[in-house]
């Protein structure tokens, strides 16, 4: 299931928890004003590089997914204040 996110760039808050999402489209890069993204309780194993272009992101919730690592590009999210990842498969940050 993919959303046409390139047509909705003015979202500040997106909550898609518990939707069994296995991936996200790279088009999330267009969500430049997104501040809070709740992706908990899905089946994500990777994050698209486009996520790291969400330059206004303050809060990212990745809890209860199947991520084993995060890209070094997470450091590009310079405004990120809260990264939540409890009950996940992350071994290192």
C-alpha atoms as a PDB file:
ATOM      1  CA  UNK A   1       0.000   0.000   0.000  1.00  0.00           C
ATOM      2  CA  UNK A   2       1.472   3.336  -1.045  1.00  0.00           C
ATOM      3  CA  UNK A   3       0.169   6.821  -0.516  1.00  0.00           C
ATOM      4  CA  UNK A   4       0.556   9.586  -3.071  1.00  0.00           C
ATOM      5  CA  UNK A   5       2.475  11.729  -0.610  1.00  0.00           C
ATOM      6  CA  UNK A   6       3.814  14.065  -3.260  1.00  0.00           C
ATOM      7  CA  UNK A   7       0.343  15.630  -3.413  1.00  0.00           C
ATOM      8  CA  UNK A   8       0.017  16.338   0.320  1.00  0.00           C
ATOM      9  CA  UNK A   9       3.185  18.238   1.292  1.00  0.00           C
ATOM     10  CA  UNK A  10       1.619  20.374   4.046  1.00  0.00           C
ATOM     11  CA  UNK A  11       1.051  17.694   6.663  1.00  0.00           C
ATOM     12  CA  UNK A  12       2.550  18.507  10.065  1.00  0.00           C
ATOM     13  CA  UNK A  13       1.534  15.242  11.716  1.00  0.00           C
ATOM     14  CA  UNK A  14       1.075  11.757  10.237  1.00  0.00           C
ATOM     15  CA  UNK A  15       0.043   8.741  12.263  1.00  0.00           C
ATOM     16  CA  UNK A  16       0.004   5.389  10.459  1.00  0.00           C
ATOM     17  CA  UNK A  17       0.493   3.028  13.355  1.00  0.00           C
ATOM     18  CA  UNK A  18      -0.718  -0.560  13.279  1.00  0.00           C
ATOM     19  CA  UNK A  19      -1.255  -0.693   9.516  1.00  0.00           C
ATOM     20  CA  UNK A  20       1.035  -3.615   8.660  1.00  0.00           C
ATOM     21  CA  UNK A  21       3.099  -1.341   6.393  1.00  0.00           C
ATOM     22  CA  UNK A  22       6.103  -3.170   4.998  1.00  0.00           C
ATOM     23  CA  UNK A  23       7.674  -0.138   3.331  1.00  0.00           C
ATOM     24  CA  UNK A  24       7.287   3.566   2.758  1.00  0.00           C
ATOM     25  CA  UNK A  25       7.546   5.323  -0.596  1.00  0.00           C
ATOM     26  CA  UNK A  26      10.597   7.490  -1.199  1.00  0.00           C
ATOM     27  CA  UNK A  27       8.153  10.303  -1.972  1.00  0.00           C
ATOM     28  CA  UNK A  28       8.004  11.063   1.770  1.00  0.00           C
ATOM     29  CA  UNK A  29      10.876  13.399   0.894  1.00  0.00           C
ATOM     30  CA  UNK A  30       8.232  15.905  -0.179  1.00  0.00           C
ATOM     31  CA  UNK A  31       6.913  16.272   3.362  1.00  0.00           C
ATOM     32  CA  UNK A  32       9.211  19.173   4.218  1.00  0.00           C
ATOM     33  CA  UNK A  33       7.012  20.607   6.991  1.00  0.00           C
ATOM     34  CA  UNK A  34       6.269  17.272   8.675  1.00  0.00           C
ATOM     35  CA  UNK A  35       7.040  17.547  12.398  1.00  0.00           C
ATOM     36  CA  UNK A  36       5.681  14.309  13.856  1.00  0.00           C
ATOM     37  CA  UNK A  37       5.636  10.908  12.135  1.00  0.00           C
ATOM     38  CA  UNK A  38       4.234   7.925  14.026  1.00  0.00           C
ATOM     39  CA  UNK A  39       5.095   4.673  12.257  1.00  0.00           C
ATOM     40  CA  UNK A  40       4.807   2.302  15.216  1.00  0.00           C
ATOM     41  CA  UNK A  41       3.386  -1.217  15.054  1.00  0.00           C
ATOM     42  CA  UNK A  42       4.058  -1.914  11.395  1.00  0.00           C
ATOM     43  CA  UNK A  43       6.321  -4.350   9.543  1.00  0.00           C
ATOM     44  CA  UNK A  44       9.002  -1.914   8.369  1.00  0.00           C
ATOM     45  CA  UNK A  45      12.449  -3.417   7.793  1.00  0.00           C
ATOM     46  CA  UNK A  46      14.049  -0.340   6.194  1.00  0.00           C
ATOM     47  CA  UNK A  47      13.372   3.361   5.891  1.00  0.00           C
ATOM     48  CA  UNK A  48      13.509   5.153   2.543  1.00  0.00           C
ATOM     49  CA  UNK A  49      16.257   7.739   2.030  1.00  0.00           C
ATOM     50  CA  UNK A  50      13.488  10.233   1.313  1.00  0.00           C
ATOM     51  CA  UNK A  51      12.579  10.232   5.009  1.00  0.00           C
ATOM     52  CA  UNK A  52      15.855  11.957   5.803  1.00  0.00           C
ATOM     53  CA  UNK A  53      14.796  14.953   3.685  1.00  0.00           C
ATOM     54  CA  UNK A  54      11.939  15.722   6.104  1.00  0.00           C
ATOM     55  CA  UNK A  55      13.943  18.614   7.457  1.00  0.00           C
ATOM     56  CA  UNK A  56      11.322  19.819   9.980  1.00  0.00           C
ATOM     57  CA  UNK A  57      10.876  16.446  11.678  1.00  0.00           C
ATOM     58  CA  UNK A  58      10.888  16.770  15.475  1.00  0.00           C
ATOM     59  CA  UNK A  59       9.419  13.415  16.561  1.00  0.00           C
ATOM     60  CA  UNK A  60       9.815  10.016  14.887  1.00  0.00           C
ATOM     61  CA  UNK A  61       8.241   6.904  16.388  1.00  0.00           C
ATOM     62  CA  UNK A  62       9.531   3.613  14.942  1.00  0.00           C
ATOM     63  CA  UNK A  63       8.488   1.333  17.803  1.00  0.00           C
ATOM     64  CA  UNK A  64       7.410  -2.252  17.196  1.00  0.00           C
ATOM     65  CA  UNK A  65       8.763  -2.552  13.676  1.00  0.00           C
ATOM     66  CA  UNK A  66      11.356  -4.925  12.224  1.00  0.00           C
ATOM     67  CA  UNK A  67      14.186  -2.447  11.747  1.00  0.00           C
ATOM     68  CA  UNK A  68      17.583  -3.888  12.611  1.00  0.00           C
ATOM     69  CA  UNK A  69      19.573  -0.717  11.888  1.00  0.00           C
ATOM     70  CA  UNK A  70      19.121   2.926  11.019  1.00  0.00           C
ATOM     71  CA  UNK A  71      20.932   4.750   8.269  1.00  0.00           C
ATOM     72  CA  UNK A  72      23.641   7.203   9.268  1.00  0.00           C
ATOM     73  CA  UNK A  73      21.460   9.723   7.460  1.00  0.00           C
ATOM     74  CA  UNK A  74      19.320   9.904  10.615  1.00  0.00           C
ATOM     75  CA  UNK A  75      21.873  12.536  11.643  1.00  0.00           C
ATOM     76  CA  UNK A  76      20.656  14.722   8.767  1.00  0.00           C
ATOM     77  CA  UNK A  77      17.428  15.297  10.701  1.00  0.00           C
ATOM     78  CA  UNK A  78      18.921  18.251  12.547  1.00  0.00           C
ATOM     79  CA  UNK A  79      15.668  19.237  14.305  1.00  0.00           C
ATOM     80  CA  UNK A  80      14.863  15.722  15.521  1.00  0.00           C
ATOM     81  CA  UNK A  81      14.228  15.885  19.268  1.00  0.00           C
ATOM     82  CA  UNK A  82      12.649  12.508  19.946  1.00  0.00           C
ATOM     83  CA  UNK A  83      13.340   9.136  18.366  1.00  0.00           C
ATOM     84  CA  UNK A  84      11.177   6.377  19.865  1.00  0.00           C
ATOM     85  CA  UNK A  85      12.069   2.785  19.046  1.00  0.00           C
ATOM     86  CA  UNK A  86      11.052   0.546  21.928  1.00  0.00           C
ATOM     87  CA  UNK A  87      10.351  -3.130  21.271  1.00  0.00           C
ATOM     88  CA  UNK A  88      12.184  -3.021  17.983  1.00  0.00           C
ATOM     89  CA  UNK A  89      15.068  -5.042  16.579  1.00  0.00           C
ATOM     90  CA  UNK A  90      17.585  -2.181  16.588  1.00  0.00           C
ATOM     91  CA  UNK A  91      20.948  -3.346  17.816  1.00  0.00           C
ATOM     92  CA  UNK A  92      22.852  -0.036  17.537  1.00  0.00           C
ATOM     93  CA  UNK A  93      22.177   3.594  16.772  1.00  0.00           C
END
